Amino acid sequence: MTRYRKPATPGSRYSTPAGEFRLRAELDELWRVLRPQVTKAVQEAAAQGDRSENAEYIYGKRQLREIDRRVRFLRQRLEGMVVVSRPPDDRSRIFFGAWVQVEDDTGTATEFRIVGPG
């Protein structure tokens, strides 16, 4: 088993104001709340002695790596993000952030919003 990971496919640079808020809230929660809690738990586990057989220490370090990976991703994503808060001048076309209503053959209408990846 190798450590190689395929590069992530680039996501959309565009976001709605709500999407940007959600990403910033997640980043804030990870950095200010969750990471300090896990760091404290790792310090307490490390104080117990032998780290090679200490499950709490090993699991805590793994959690820290996952948190740090997500924080890096969110910071990079927010850095290059373009927030689309108003529609373009040409309203005859479908655009990012638009609400689109689609009707099927039976006449049932479904509404979708055009946004970037989750």
N, C-alpha and C. Protein backbone atom coordinates (compact mmCIF):
# COMPACT_ATOMS: atom_id res chain seq x y z
N MET A 1 0.85 -1.17 0.00
CA MET A 1 0.00 0.00 0.00
C MET A 1 0.89 1.23 0.00
N THR A 2 0.66 2.13 -0.92
CA THR A 2 1.48 3.33 -1.02
C THR A 2 0.80 4.50 -0.34
N ARG A 3 1.55 5.55 -0.15
CA ARG A 3 1.01 6.76 0.46
C ARG A 3 0.51 7.73 -0.60
N TYR A 4 0.63 7.35 -1.86
CA TYR A 4 0.23 8.22 -2.96
C TYR A 4 -1.28 8.44 -2.93
N ARG A 5 -1.69 9.68 -3.09
CA ARG A 5 -3.10 10.01 -3.22
C ARG A 5 -3.27 10.83 -4.49
N LYS A 6 -4.29 10.49 -5.24
CA LYS A 6 -4.56 11.26 -6.45
C LYS A 6 -4.87 12.70 -6.07
N PRO A 7 -4.41 13.65 -6.86
CA PRO A 7 -4.76 15.05 -6.58
C PRO A 7 -6.27 15.24 -6.67
N ALA A 8 -6.79 16.08 -5.80
CA ALA A 8 -8.22 16.35 -5.80
C ALA A 8 -8.60 17.12 -7.06
N THR A 9 -9.77 16.82 -7.55
CA THR A 9 -10.23 17.57 -8.72
C THR A 9 -10.57 18.99 -8.27
N PRO A 10 -10.17 19.96 -9.06
CA PRO A 10 -10.42 21.34 -8.64
C PRO A 10 -11.91 21.63 -8.61
N GLY A 11 -12.34 22.28 -7.54
CA GLY A 11 -13.74 22.63 -7.39
C GLY A 11 -14.01 24.00 -7.99
N SER A 12 -15.23 24.41 -7.91
CA SER A 12 -15.63 25.71 -8.43
C SER A 12 -15.07 26.81 -7.54
N ARG A 13 -14.64 27.91 -8.14
CA ARG A 13 -14.14 29.05 -7.38
C ARG A 13 -15.30 29.88 -6.87
N TYR A 14 -16.48 29.67 -7.41
CA TYR A 14 -17.63 30.52 -7.11
C TYR A 14 -18.42 29.96 -5.93
N SER A 15 -19.02 30.88 -5.19
CA SER A 15 -19.84 30.49 -4.05
C SER A 15 -20.91 31.55 -3.82
N THR A 16 -21.98 31.12 -3.21
CA THR A 16 -23.02 32.06 -2.78
C THR A 16 -22.59 32.63 -1.43
N PRO A 17 -23.17 33.73 -1.00
CA PRO A 17 -22.84 34.26 0.32
C PRO A 17 -23.13 33.24 1.44
N ALA A 18 -24.19 32.47 1.30
CA ALA A 18 -24.52 31.45 2.30
C ALA A 18 -23.45 30.35 2.32
N GLY A 19 -22.96 29.96 1.14
CA GLY A 19 -21.91 28.95 1.07
C GLY A 19 -20.62 29.43 1.71
N GLU A 20 -20.26 30.69 1.46
CA GLU A 20 -19.06 31.25 2.07
C GLU A 20 -19.21 31.29 3.59
N PHE A 21 -20.37 31.69 4.07
CA PHE A 21 -20.62 31.75 5.50
C PHE A 21 -20.47 30.37 6.13
N ARG A 22 -21.03 29.35 5.47
CA ARG A 22 -20.95 27.98 5.98
C ARG A 22 -19.50 27.49 6.07
N LEU A 23 -18.69 27.78 5.05
CA LEU A 23 -17.29 27.37 5.07
C LEU A 23 -16.50 28.11 6.15
N ARG A 24 -16.76 29.42 6.29
CA ARG A 24 -16.07 30.20 7.34
C ARG A 24 -16.47 29.72 8.73
N ALA A 25 -17.73 29.38 8.92
CA ALA A 25 -18.19 28.87 10.21
C ALA A 25 -17.53 27.53 10.54
N GLU A 26 -17.40 26.67 9.54
CA GLU A 26 -16.74 25.38 9.76
C GLU A 26 -15.27 25.57 10.12
N LEU A 27 -14.60 26.47 9.40
CA LEU A 27 -13.20 26.76 9.69
C LEU A 27 -13.03 27.30 11.10
N ASP A 28 -13.90 28.21 11.49
CA ASP A 28 -13.84 28.80 12.83
C ASP A 28 -14.08 27.73 13.90
N GLU A 29 -15.05 26.86 13.68
CA GLU A 29 -15.36 25.79 14.63
C GLU A 29 -14.16 24.84 14.77
N LEU A 30 -13.57 24.45 13.66
CA LEU A 30 -12.43 23.54 13.71
C LEU A 30 -11.24 24.18 14.42
N TRP A 31 -10.93 25.43 14.07
CA TRP A 31 -9.71 26.06 14.56
C TRP A 31 -9.82 26.54 15.99
N ARG A 32 -10.96 27.11 16.36
CA ARG A 32 -11.10 27.72 17.69
C ARG A 32 -11.69 26.80 18.74
N VAL A 33 -12.44 25.78 18.33
CA VAL A 33 -13.12 24.93 19.31
C VAL A 33 -12.55 23.51 19.30
N LEU A 34 -12.67 22.83 18.16
CA LEU A 34 -12.33 21.40 18.12
C LEU A 34 -10.84 21.14 18.25
N ARG A 35 -10.02 21.89 17.53
CA ARG A 35 -8.57 21.64 17.58
C ARG A 35 -8.00 21.83 18.98
N PRO A 36 -8.34 22.91 19.72
CA PRO A 36 -7.82 23.03 21.09
C PRO A 36 -8.27 21.88 22.01
N GLN A 37 -9.49 21.39 21.82
CA GLN A 37 -9.97 20.27 22.63
C GLN A 37 -9.14 19.01 22.36
N VAL A 38 -8.91 18.72 21.09
CA VAL A 38 -8.15 17.53 20.73
C VAL A 38 -6.70 17.68 21.17
N THR A 39 -6.13 18.87 21.03
CA THR A 39 -4.75 19.11 21.46
C THR A 39 -4.60 18.86 22.96
N LYS A 40 -5.56 19.32 23.73
CA LYS A 40 -5.52 19.10 25.17
C LYS A 40 -5.62 17.61 25.50
N ALA A 41 -6.49 16.89 24.80
CA ALA A 41 -6.63 15.45 25.01
C ALA A 41 -5.34 14.71 24.66
N VAL A 42 -4.67 15.13 23.59
CA VAL A 42 -3.40 14.51 23.20
C VAL A 42 -2.33 14.78 24.25
N GLN A 43 -2.29 15.99 24.78
CA GLN A 43 -1.31 16.31 25.83
C GLN A 43 -1.54 15.47 27.08
N GLU A 44 -2.80 15.30 27.45
CA GLU A 44 -3.12 14.47 28.62
C GLU A 44 -2.75 13.01 28.38
N ALA A 45 -3.00 12.52 27.16
CA ALA A 45 -2.66 11.14 26.84
C ALA A 45 -1.14 10.95 26.80
N ALA A 46 -0.41 11.96 26.32
CA ALA A 46 1.05 11.86 26.25
C ALA A 46 1.66 11.85 27.63
N ALA A 47 1.00 12.50 28.58
CA ALA A 47 1.53 12.54 29.95
C ALA A 47 1.41 11.20 30.66
N GLN A 48 0.64 10.28 30.09
CA GLN A 48 0.45 8.97 30.73
C GLN A 48 1.63 8.03 30.54
N GLY A 49 2.55 8.38 29.67
CA GLY A 49 3.73 7.52 29.52
C GLY A 49 3.92 7.01 28.12
N ASP A 50 4.11 5.71 28.00
CA ASP A 50 4.48 5.05 26.74
C ASP A 50 3.48 5.39 25.63
N ARG A 51 3.95 6.14 24.65
CA ARG A 51 3.07 6.59 23.57
C ARG A 51 2.83 5.53 22.51
N SER A 52 3.72 4.57 22.40
CA SER A 52 3.59 3.56 21.34
C SER A 52 2.40 2.63 21.57
N GLU A 53 1.98 2.47 22.81
CA GLU A 53 0.84 1.60 23.11
C GLU A 53 -0.33 2.38 23.69
N ASN A 54 -0.31 3.67 23.54
CA ASN A 54 -1.33 4.53 24.10
C ASN A 54 -2.37 4.85 23.02
N ALA A 55 -3.52 4.18 23.08
CA ALA A 55 -4.54 4.33 22.04
C ALA A 55 -5.10 5.74 22.00
N GLU A 56 -5.29 6.37 23.16
CA GLU A 56 -5.83 7.74 23.18
C GLU A 56 -4.87 8.70 22.47
N TYR A 57 -3.57 8.52 22.70
CA TYR A 57 -2.57 9.37 22.07
C TYR A 57 -2.57 9.17 20.56
N ILE A 58 -2.55 7.93 20.12
CA ILE A 58 -2.51 7.62 18.69
C ILE A 58 -3.76 8.14 17.99
N TYR A 59 -4.92 7.91 18.59
CA TYR A 59 -6.17 8.37 18.00
C TYR A 59 -6.23 9.90 17.98
N GLY A 60 -5.78 10.55 19.04
CA GLY A 60 -5.76 12.00 19.10
C GLY A 60 -4.87 12.61 18.03
N LYS A 61 -3.70 12.02 17.82
CA LYS A 61 -2.79 12.52 16.78
C LYS A 61 -3.44 12.36 15.39
N ARG A 62 -4.13 11.26 15.19
CA ARG A 62 -4.81 11.05 13.92
C ARG A 62 -5.91 12.11 13.72
N GLN A 63 -6.65 12.40 14.79
CA GLN A 63 -7.67 13.44 14.71
C GLN A 63 -7.06 14.80 14.38
N LEU A 64 -5.93 15.11 14.99
CA LEU A 64 -5.26 16.38 14.72
C LEU A 64 -4.85 16.49 13.25
N ARG A 65 -4.33 15.39 12.70
CA ARG A 65 -3.95 15.41 11.28
C ARG A 65 -5.16 15.66 10.39
N GLU A 66 -6.29 15.01 10.71
CA GLU A 66 -7.50 15.20 9.92
C GLU A 66 -8.02 16.63 10.03
N ILE A 67 -7.99 17.18 11.23
CA ILE A 67 -8.43 18.56 11.43
C ILE A 67 -7.53 19.51 10.66
N ASP A 68 -6.22 19.32 10.76
CA ASP A 68 -5.28 20.20 10.06
C ASP A 68 -5.44 20.10 8.55
N ARG A 69 -5.70 18.91 8.04
CA ARG A 69 -5.91 18.73 6.61
C ARG A 69 -7.16 19.50 6.16
N ARG A 70 -8.23 19.40 6.92
CA ARG A 70 -9.46 20.11 6.57
C ARG A 70 -9.29 21.62 6.68
N VAL A 71 -8.55 22.08 7.69
CA VAL A 71 -8.29 23.52 7.86
C VAL A 71 -7.50 24.05 6.67
N ARG A 72 -6.47 23.30 6.23
CA ARG A 72 -5.70 23.72 5.06
C ARG A 72 -6.60 23.82 3.82
N PHE A 73 -7.45 22.81 3.64
CA PHE A 73 -8.36 22.82 2.50
C PHE A 73 -9.29 24.03 2.55
N LEU A 74 -9.89 24.29 3.71
CA LEU A 74 -10.83 25.41 3.83
C LEU A 74 -10.14 26.75 3.60
N ARG A 75 -8.95 26.91 4.13
CA ARG A 75 -8.23 28.17 3.93
C ARG A 75 -7.89 28.39 2.47
N GLN A 76 -7.44 27.35 1.78
CA GLN A 76 -7.14 27.47 0.35
C GLN A 76 -8.40 27.77 -0.45
N ARG A 77 -9.46 27.11 -0.09
CA ARG A 77 -10.73 27.30 -0.80
C ARG A 77 -11.25 28.72 -0.61
N LEU A 78 -11.20 29.22 0.62
CA LEU A 78 -11.69 30.57 0.89
C LEU A 78 -10.80 31.64 0.28
N GLU A 79 -9.51 31.34 0.18
CA GLU A 79 -8.56 32.31 -0.38
C GLU A 79 -8.86 32.62 -1.84
N GLY A 80 -9.20 31.62 -2.61
CA GLY A 80 -9.44 31.82 -4.04
C GLY A 80 -10.91 31.94 -4.41
N MET A 81 -11.77 32.10 -3.43
CA MET A 81 -13.21 32.08 -3.67
C MET A 81 -13.72 33.41 -4.22
N VAL A 82 -14.66 33.30 -5.14
CA VAL A 82 -15.36 34.47 -5.67
C VAL A 82 -16.81 34.35 -5.22
N VAL A 83 -17.26 35.30 -4.41
CA VAL A 83 -18.64 35.27 -3.90
C VAL A 83 -19.54 35.98 -4.89
N VAL A 84 -20.53 35.25 -5.37
CA VAL A 84 -21.49 35.79 -6.32
C VAL A 84 -22.73 36.19 -5.54
N SER A 85 -22.92 37.50 -5.40
CA SER A 85 -24.04 37.96 -4.58
C SER A 85 -25.16 38.61 -5.39
N ARG A 86 -24.91 38.87 -6.67
CA ARG A 86 -25.97 39.47 -7.48
C ARG A 86 -26.00 38.81 -8.85
N PRO A 87 -27.16 38.78 -9.48
CA PRO A 87 -27.26 38.14 -10.80
C PRO A 87 -26.58 38.98 -11.87
N PRO A 88 -26.19 38.33 -12.97
CA PRO A 88 -25.57 39.08 -14.06
C PRO A 88 -26.60 39.96 -14.77
N ASP A 89 -26.11 40.84 -15.62
CA ASP A 89 -27.00 41.77 -16.33
C ASP A 89 -27.93 41.05 -17.31
N ASP A 90 -27.44 39.98 -17.95
CA ASP A 90 -28.25 39.23 -18.92
C ASP A 90 -29.10 38.20 -18.16
N ARG A 91 -30.34 38.54 -17.88
CA ARG A 91 -31.23 37.68 -17.09
C ARG A 91 -31.89 36.58 -17.92
N SER A 92 -31.65 36.53 -19.23
CA SER A 92 -32.27 35.53 -20.08
C SER A 92 -31.52 34.20 -20.02
N ARG A 93 -30.37 34.17 -19.36
CA ARG A 93 -29.56 32.94 -19.27
C ARG A 93 -29.55 32.44 -17.84
N ILE A 94 -29.28 31.16 -17.70
CA ILE A 94 -29.13 30.57 -16.36
C ILE A 94 -27.73 30.91 -15.88
N PHE A 95 -27.59 31.31 -14.63
CA PHE A 95 -26.32 31.76 -14.08
C PHE A 95 -26.09 31.11 -12.71
N PHE A 96 -24.88 31.26 -12.23
CA PHE A 96 -24.52 30.72 -10.92
C PHE A 96 -25.36 31.40 -9.84
N GLY A 97 -25.94 30.60 -8.96
CA GLY A 97 -26.75 31.12 -7.86
C GLY A 97 -28.21 31.29 -8.22
N ALA A 98 -28.58 31.00 -9.47
CA ALA A 98 -29.96 31.18 -9.90
C ALA A 98 -30.84 30.04 -9.39
N TRP A 99 -32.09 30.36 -9.14
CA TRP A 99 -33.11 29.36 -8.84
C TRP A 99 -33.79 29.02 -10.15
N VAL A 100 -33.83 27.74 -10.48
CA VAL A 100 -34.40 27.28 -11.75
C VAL A 100 -35.55 26.34 -11.45
N GLN A 101 -36.67 26.56 -12.11
CA GLN A 101 -37.82 25.69 -11.92
C GLN A 101 -37.95 24.79 -13.15
N VAL A 102 -38.00 23.48 -12.90
CA VAL A 102 -38.08 22.49 -13.97
C VAL A 102 -39.39 21.74 -13.81
N GLU A 103 -40.10 21.58 -14.92
CA GLU A 103 -41.38 20.88 -14.90
C GLU A 103 -41.25 19.59 -15.69
N ASP A 104 -41.70 18.49 -15.11
CA ASP A 104 -41.63 17.20 -15.82
C ASP A 104 -42.88 17.00 -16.68
N ASP A 105 -43.00 15.83 -17.31
CA ASP A 105 -44.10 15.54 -18.23
C ASP A 105 -45.46 15.55 -17.55
N THR A 106 -45.49 15.23 -16.27
CA THR A 106 -46.77 15.18 -15.55
C THR A 106 -47.19 16.54 -15.02
N GLY A 107 -46.34 17.55 -15.17
CA GLY A 107 -46.67 18.88 -14.71
C GLY A 107 -46.16 19.21 -13.32
N THR A 108 -45.42 18.28 -12.72
CA THR A 108 -44.87 18.51 -11.39
C THR A 108 -43.63 19.39 -11.51
N ALA A 109 -43.64 20.50 -10.81
CA ALA A 109 -42.53 21.44 -10.88
C ALA A 109 -41.57 21.20 -9.71
N THR A 110 -40.29 21.25 -10.01
CA THR A 110 -39.25 21.11 -8.99
C THR A 110 -38.29 22.28 -9.14
N GLU A 111 -37.91 22.84 -8.01
CA GLU A 111 -37.03 24.01 -8.03
C GLU A 111 -35.61 23.60 -7.60
N PHE A 112 -34.61 24.05 -8.35
CA PHE A 112 -33.21 23.78 -8.06
C PHE A 112 -32.45 25.10 -7.99
N ARG A 113 -31.33 25.08 -7.29
CA ARG A 113 -30.45 26.24 -7.28
C ARG A 113 -29.12 25.83 -7.89
N ILE A 114 -28.60 26.64 -8.79
CA ILE A 114 -27.35 26.36 -9.47
C ILE A 114 -26.22 26.85 -8.57
N VAL A 115 -25.47 25.91 -7.98
CA VAL A 115 -24.36 26.26 -7.09
C VAL A 115 -23.18 25.35 -7.37
N GLY A 116 -22.06 25.62 -6.70
CA GLY A 116 -20.85 24.84 -6.86
C GLY A 116 -20.91 23.55 -6.06
N PRO A 117 -19.82 22.81 -6.05
CA PRO A 117 -19.78 21.54 -5.31
C PRO A 117 -19.87 21.79 -3.82
N GLY A 118 -20.53 20.85 -3.11
CA GLY A 118 -20.78 20.86 -1.68
C GLY A 118 -19.83 21.57 -0.88
